[in-house]
Every structure is written in structure tokens, then in C-alpha cells.
Amino acid sequence: MTGTGALILGIGNILLRDEGVGVVVARRIEAARESGDMVIPPDTRVVDGGTLGLDLLPMIEDADQVVMIDAVDLGQAPGTVSVLRDETVQAALSGHVSPHQIGVGDLVAAARLMGIMPPRLTLVGIQPGEIAIGLELTEPVAAAVDVAIDLVRRELAPAGA
């Protein structure tokens, strides 16, 4: 299996405040790339995965590397950004409580079961402060967006760089 580059996958529901932070990060990365403010490898796809769950499998299958961004409850202070790689991603996704997160865990598990998970999987997880109806991120989570963007960009560097 040879993929076609990296996949940056923003996950979340933008109608539930901090739950949508992954989508916000992915949209900001794409806007920065389009404006020339951020250089990422040209074969990198940036996708607003929203709450699509298993419907994202074909995109994962086509990638050499997947970098997911999502709200993840790791019991930390709101806005804390964590980087999880490979096998530790599945463990982090098992404890989610929002409707889409079961889909993300299933997505990772299904990709592994089908043998289509790329060799490099990263989850940039942001600790949510509030998951409730609303369109705005809470202040600590909004402040973490730039940190998450920088970490995503670092993950796209060649292995060992």
C-alpha cells in the first residue's frame, strides 16, 4: 500500500463549543496554506472530517500519514494540547463521551482491522473546557488553537527530522 501523502483530519462537532476544536484547527491550517502564511507539504490533504466517522476510511486508506485533531478528555486543564502516536491513540479514544467520538474510535479500529492504517498515525488532542450547545470555543481552548496548529505542522516533518 502506497499512500498519496499526509492527511490532516479535523474531527468534531462545531455546534457543541469545544467539541469542534479539531475542525477549527483544520480550517485554520487550510486557510493559512491558501493565503501562503503556512507551508505544508504539497501532497497534504486537509479535511474537515466533522462527525463523519467510518465514512472517512477511504481518505485514510489513501494516506501515508494521518494527523487527526480532536477534542480529547484526558483529565487535564482545559486547553491542554497532547500529542499521541500510533497505539496510544486507540487508548485515548476509548474514553470519549461525545456522539462523534465513538465514530473516531471505530474509524481507527476499522482502519487497523482492514490493514489500511498508514504507518504514521498521530492524534493532536485538545482538552475541552465545555461541550454544550454553542458556536464559540471557550477561552482556554481558543488559546490552544495556535499551539495545536504548530504541533500538526511538526508532525508533518519527515520521520526523524
C-alpha atoms as a PDB file:
ATOM      1  CA  MET A   1       0.000   0.000   0.000  1.00  0.00           C
ATOM      2  CA  THR A   2       1.446   3.334  -1.064  1.00  0.00           C
ATOM      3  CA  GLY A   3      -0.437   6.409   0.027  1.00  0.00           C
ATOM      4  CA  THR A   4      -0.609   9.755  -1.641  1.00  0.00           C
ATOM      5  CA  GLY A   5       0.773  11.958   1.136  1.00  0.00           C
ATOM      6  CA  ALA A   6      -0.346  13.113   4.540  1.00  0.00           C
ATOM      7  CA  LEU A   7      -3.929  13.600   5.685  1.00  0.00           C
ATOM      8  CA  ILE A   8      -4.739  16.268   8.258  1.00  0.00           C
ATOM      9  CA  LEU A   9      -8.137  15.358   9.638  1.00  0.00           C
ATOM     10  CA  GLY A  10     -10.065  17.778  11.848  1.00  0.00           C
ATOM     11  CA  ILE A  11     -12.723  15.950  13.836  1.00  0.00           C
ATOM     12  CA  GLY A  12     -15.600  17.375  15.863  1.00  0.00           C
ATOM     13  CA  ASN A  13     -18.997  18.994  16.035  1.00  0.00           C
ATOM     14  CA  ILE A  14     -18.748  22.777  15.689  1.00  0.00           C
ATOM     15  CA  LEU A  15     -22.256  23.170  17.185  1.00  0.00           C
ATOM     16  CA  LEU A  16     -21.005  21.936  20.587  1.00  0.00           C
ATOM     17  CA  ARG A  17     -18.437  24.600  21.506  1.00  0.00           C
ATOM     18  CA  ASP A  18     -15.060  22.970  22.353  1.00  0.00           C
ATOM     19  CA  GLU A  19     -16.135  19.708  20.720  1.00  0.00           C
ATOM     20  CA  GLY A  20     -15.493  21.431  17.366  1.00  0.00           C
ATOM     21  CA  VAL A  21     -11.878  22.426  18.032  1.00  0.00           C
ATOM     22  CA  GLY A  22     -10.466  19.819  15.635  1.00  0.00           C
ATOM     23  CA  VAL A  23     -12.485  21.262  12.778  1.00  0.00           C
ATOM     24  CA  VAL A  24     -11.450  24.805  13.744  1.00  0.00           C
ATOM     25  CA  VAL A  25      -7.762  23.812  13.662  1.00  0.00           C
ATOM     26  CA  ALA A  26      -8.089  22.071  10.277  1.00  0.00           C
ATOM     27  CA  ARG A  27      -9.929  25.054   8.776  1.00  0.00           C
ATOM     28  CA  ARG A  28      -7.274  27.463  10.063  1.00  0.00           C
ATOM     29  CA  ILE A  29      -4.491  25.295   8.606  1.00  0.00           C
ATOM     30  CA  GLU A  30      -6.213  25.211   5.207  1.00  0.00           C
ATOM     31  CA  ALA A  31      -6.838  28.981   5.261  1.00  0.00           C
ATOM     32  CA  ALA A  32      -3.185  29.639   6.182  1.00  0.00           C
ATOM     33  CA  ARG A  33      -1.999  27.371   3.378  1.00  0.00           C
ATOM     34  CA  GLU A  34      -4.273  29.068   0.841  1.00  0.00           C
ATOM     35  CA  SER A  35      -3.094  32.533   1.898  1.00  0.00           C
ATOM     36  CA  GLY A  36       0.562  31.492   1.804  1.00  0.00           C
ATOM     37  CA  ASP A  37       1.017  32.031   5.557  1.00  0.00           C
ATOM     38  CA  MET A  38       1.817  28.340   6.149  1.00  0.00           C
ATOM     39  CA  VAL A  39       3.850  25.970   4.073  1.00  0.00           C
ATOM     40  CA  ILE A  40       2.978  22.309   4.379  1.00  0.00           C
ATOM     41  CA  PRO A  41       3.955  19.511   2.012  1.00  0.00           C
ATOM     42  CA  PRO A  42       2.081  19.961  -1.286  1.00  0.00           C
ATOM     43  CA  ASP A  43       0.683  16.413  -1.243  1.00  0.00           C
ATOM     44  CA  THR A  44      -1.013  17.024   2.132  1.00  0.00           C
ATOM     45  CA  ARG A  45      -4.804  16.956   2.212  1.00  0.00           C
ATOM     46  CA  VAL A  46      -6.591  18.977   4.890  1.00  0.00           C
ATOM     47  CA  VAL A  47     -10.071  17.627   5.608  1.00  0.00           C
ATOM     48  CA  ASP A  48     -12.897  18.877   7.801  1.00  0.00           C
ATOM     49  CA  GLY A  49     -13.982  15.413   8.944  1.00  0.00           C
ATOM     50  CA  GLY A  50     -16.722  16.782  11.174  1.00  0.00           C
ATOM     51  CA  THR A  51     -18.658  13.819  12.544  1.00  0.00           C
ATOM     52  CA  LEU A  52     -18.316  11.534   9.513  1.00  0.00           C
ATOM     53  CA  GLY A  53     -16.762   8.578  11.383  1.00  0.00           C
ATOM     54  CA  LEU A  54     -16.413   5.470   9.203  1.00  0.00           C
ATOM     55  CA  ASP A  55     -17.121   7.474   6.046  1.00  0.00           C
ATOM     56  CA  LEU A  56     -13.541   8.746   6.347  1.00  0.00           C
ATOM     57  CA  LEU A  57     -11.995   5.289   5.757  1.00  0.00           C
ATOM     58  CA  PRO A  58     -11.280   5.847   2.035  1.00  0.00           C
ATOM     59  CA  MET A  59      -9.291   9.003   2.832  1.00  0.00           C
ATOM     60  CA  ILE A  60      -7.266   7.173   5.475  1.00  0.00           C
ATOM     61  CA  GLU A  61      -6.584   4.324   3.067  1.00  0.00           C
ATOM     62  CA  ASP A  62      -5.113   6.773   0.558  1.00  0.00           C
ATOM     63  CA  ALA A  63      -2.734   8.437   3.041  1.00  0.00           C
ATOM     64  CA  ASP A  64       0.885   7.770   4.008  1.00  0.00           C
ATOM     65  CA  GLN A  65       0.354   9.539   7.327  1.00  0.00           C
ATOM     66  CA  VAL A  66      -2.724  10.638   9.281  1.00  0.00           C
ATOM     67  CA  VAL A  67      -2.731  13.538  11.720  1.00  0.00           C
ATOM     68  CA  MET A  68      -6.093  13.830  13.491  1.00  0.00           C
ATOM     69  CA  ILE A  69      -7.061  16.838  15.586  1.00  0.00           C
ATOM     70  CA  ASP A  70      -9.859  16.376  18.093  1.00  0.00           C
ATOM     71  CA  ALA A  71     -11.201  17.382  21.489  1.00  0.00           C
ATOM     72  CA  VAL A  72      -9.967  14.669  23.852  1.00  0.00           C
ATOM     73  CA  ASP A  73     -10.773  14.321  27.537  1.00  0.00           C
ATOM     74  CA  LEU A  74      -7.546  13.227  29.196  1.00  0.00           C
ATOM     75  CA  GLY A  75      -8.465  14.778  32.546  1.00  0.00           C
ATOM     76  CA  GLN A  76      -6.188  17.785  32.047  1.00  0.00           C
ATOM     77  CA  ALA A  77      -6.764  21.524  32.322  1.00  0.00           C
ATOM     78  CA  PRO A  78      -8.957  22.934  29.516  1.00  0.00           C
ATOM     79  CA  GLY A  79      -6.828  23.929  26.536  1.00  0.00           C
ATOM     80  CA  THR A  80      -4.038  21.440  27.261  1.00  0.00           C
ATOM     81  CA  VAL A  81      -2.722  20.035  23.996  1.00  0.00           C
ATOM     82  CA  SER A  82      -1.405  16.463  23.876  1.00  0.00           C
ATOM     83  CA  VAL A  83       0.235  14.548  21.043  1.00  0.00           C
ATOM     84  CA  LEU A  84      -0.476  10.819  20.923  1.00  0.00           C
ATOM     85  CA  ARG A  85       1.009   8.474  18.375  1.00  0.00           C
ATOM     86  CA  ASP A  86       0.170   5.071  16.952  1.00  0.00           C
ATOM     87  CA  GLU A  87      -1.092   2.587  19.587  1.00  0.00           C
ATOM     88  CA  THR A  88      -1.683   5.257  22.263  1.00  0.00           C
ATOM     89  CA  VAL A  89      -4.309   6.888  20.038  1.00  0.00           C
ATOM     90  CA  GLN A  90      -6.733   3.959  20.404  1.00  0.00           C
ATOM     91  CA  ALA A  91      -6.468   4.050  24.202  1.00  0.00           C
ATOM     92  CA  ALA A  92      -7.242   7.782  24.286  1.00  0.00           C
ATOM     93  CA  LEU A  93     -10.274   7.404  22.039  1.00  0.00           C
ATOM     94  CA  SER A  94     -11.828   4.685  24.182  1.00  0.00           C
ATOM     95  CA  GLY A  95     -12.823   7.165  26.888  1.00  0.00           C
ATOM     96  CA  HIS A  96     -14.731   9.713  24.816  1.00  0.00           C
ATOM     97  CA  VAL A  97     -18.194  10.861  25.765  1.00  0.00           C
ATOM     98  CA  SER A  98     -19.484  12.881  22.803  1.00  0.00           C
ATOM     99  CA  PRO A  99     -21.568  11.375  19.993  1.00  0.00           C
ATOM    100  CA  HIS A 100     -18.870  11.561  17.292  1.00  0.00           C
ATOM    101  CA  GLN A 101     -16.023  10.179  19.360  1.00  0.00           C
ATOM    102  CA  ILE A 102     -17.294   6.618  19.242  1.00  0.00           C
ATOM    103  CA  GLY A 103     -17.120   7.039  15.479  1.00  0.00           C
ATOM    104  CA  VAL A 104     -13.487   8.161  15.644  1.00  0.00           C
ATOM    105  CA  GLY A 105     -12.515   5.171  17.786  1.00  0.00           C
ATOM    106  CA  ASP A 106     -14.360   2.904  15.380  1.00  0.00           C
ATOM    107  CA  LEU A 107     -12.624   4.614  12.465  1.00  0.00           C
ATOM    108  CA  VAL A 108      -9.160   3.915  13.864  1.00  0.00           C
ATOM    109  CA  ALA A 109     -10.080   0.356  14.847  1.00  0.00           C
ATOM    110  CA  ALA A 110     -11.655  -0.366  11.457  1.00  0.00           C
ATOM    111  CA  ALA A 111      -8.674   1.033   9.559  1.00  0.00           C
ATOM    112  CA  ARG A 112      -6.334  -1.166  11.583  1.00  0.00           C
ATOM    113  CA  LEU A 113      -8.553  -4.233  11.183  1.00  0.00           C
ATOM    114  CA  MET A 114      -8.743  -3.682   7.421  1.00  0.00           C
ATOM    115  CA  GLY A 115      -4.975  -3.204   7.221  1.00  0.00           C
ATOM    116  CA  ILE A 116      -5.292   0.283   5.745  1.00  0.00           C
ATOM    117  CA  MET A 117      -3.973   2.385   8.632  1.00  0.00           C
ATOM    118  CA  PRO A 118      -0.906   4.265   7.440  1.00  0.00           C
ATOM    119  CA  PRO A 119       2.356   3.598   9.274  1.00  0.00           C
ATOM    120  CA  ARG A 120       2.226   7.023  10.965  1.00  0.00           C
ATOM    121  CA  LEU A 121      -0.858   7.967  12.995  1.00  0.00           C
ATOM    122  CA  THR A 122      -0.936  10.999  15.267  1.00  0.00           C
ATOM    123  CA  LEU A 123      -3.716  12.485  17.363  1.00  0.00           C
ATOM    124  CA  VAL A 124      -3.321  16.100  18.425  1.00  0.00           C
ATOM    125  CA  GLY A 125      -5.813  16.198  21.266  1.00  0.00           C
ATOM    126  CA  ILE A 126      -7.082  19.352  22.932  1.00  0.00           C
ATOM    127  CA  GLN A 127      -8.669  19.089  26.381  1.00  0.00           C
ATOM    128  CA  PRO A 128     -12.161  20.626  26.109  1.00  0.00           C
ATOM    129  CA  GLY A 129     -13.481  23.011  28.709  1.00  0.00           C
ATOM    130  CA  GLU A 130     -17.155  22.924  27.794  1.00  0.00           C
ATOM    131  CA  ILE A 131     -19.141  20.687  25.490  1.00  0.00           C
ATOM    132  CA  ALA A 132     -22.543  22.338  25.231  1.00  0.00           C
ATOM    133  CA  ILE A 133     -24.649  23.914  22.516  1.00  0.00           C
ATOM    134  CA  GLY A 134     -22.844  26.937  21.129  1.00  0.00           C
ATOM    135  CA  LEU A 135     -20.578  28.012  18.299  1.00  0.00           C
ATOM    136  CA  GLU A 136     -17.686  29.660  20.174  1.00  0.00           C
ATOM    137  CA  LEU A 137     -14.720  27.863  21.666  1.00  0.00           C
ATOM    138  CA  THR A 138     -14.083  28.578  25.334  1.00  0.00           C
ATOM    139  CA  GLU A 139     -11.184  30.946  26.019  1.00  0.00           C
ATOM    140  CA  PRO A 140      -8.580  28.319  27.048  1.00  0.00           C
ATOM    141  CA  VAL A 141      -9.416  26.094  24.080  1.00  0.00           C
ATOM    142  CA  ALA A 142      -9.373  29.013  21.637  1.00  0.00           C
ATOM    143  CA  ALA A 143      -5.941  29.939  23.031  1.00  0.00           C
ATOM    144  CA  ALA A 144      -4.735  26.377  22.321  1.00  0.00           C
ATOM    145  CA  VAL A 145      -5.556  26.500  18.593  1.00  0.00           C
ATOM    146  CA  ASP A 146      -2.217  28.050  17.568  1.00  0.00           C
ATOM    147  CA  VAL A 147      -0.322  25.517  19.709  1.00  0.00           C
ATOM    148  CA  ALA A 148      -2.218  22.685  18.015  1.00  0.00           C
ATOM    149  CA  ILE A 149      -1.507  24.112  14.562  1.00  0.00           C
ATOM    150  CA  ASP A 150       2.214  24.248  15.330  1.00  0.00           C
ATOM    151  CA  LEU A 151       2.186  20.650  16.586  1.00  0.00           C
ATOM    152  CA  VAL A 152       0.373  19.469  13.448  1.00  0.00           C
ATOM    153  CA  ARG A 153       2.980  21.197  11.287  1.00  0.00           C
ATOM    154  CA  ARG A 154       5.767  19.478  13.264  1.00  0.00           C
ATOM    155  CA  GLU A 155       4.121  16.082  12.783  1.00  0.00           C
ATOM    156  CA  LEU A 156       4.263  16.570   9.015  1.00  0.00           C
ATOM    157  CA  ALA A 157       8.060  16.757   9.085  1.00  0.00           C
ATOM    158  CA  PRO A 158       9.750  13.676   7.686  1.00  0.00           C
ATOM    159  CA  ALA A 159      10.288  10.919  10.257  1.00  0.00           C
ATOM    160  CA  GLY A 160      13.500  11.568  12.140  1.00  0.00           C
ATOM    161  CA  ALA A 161      13.699  15.225  11.073  1.00  0.00           C
END
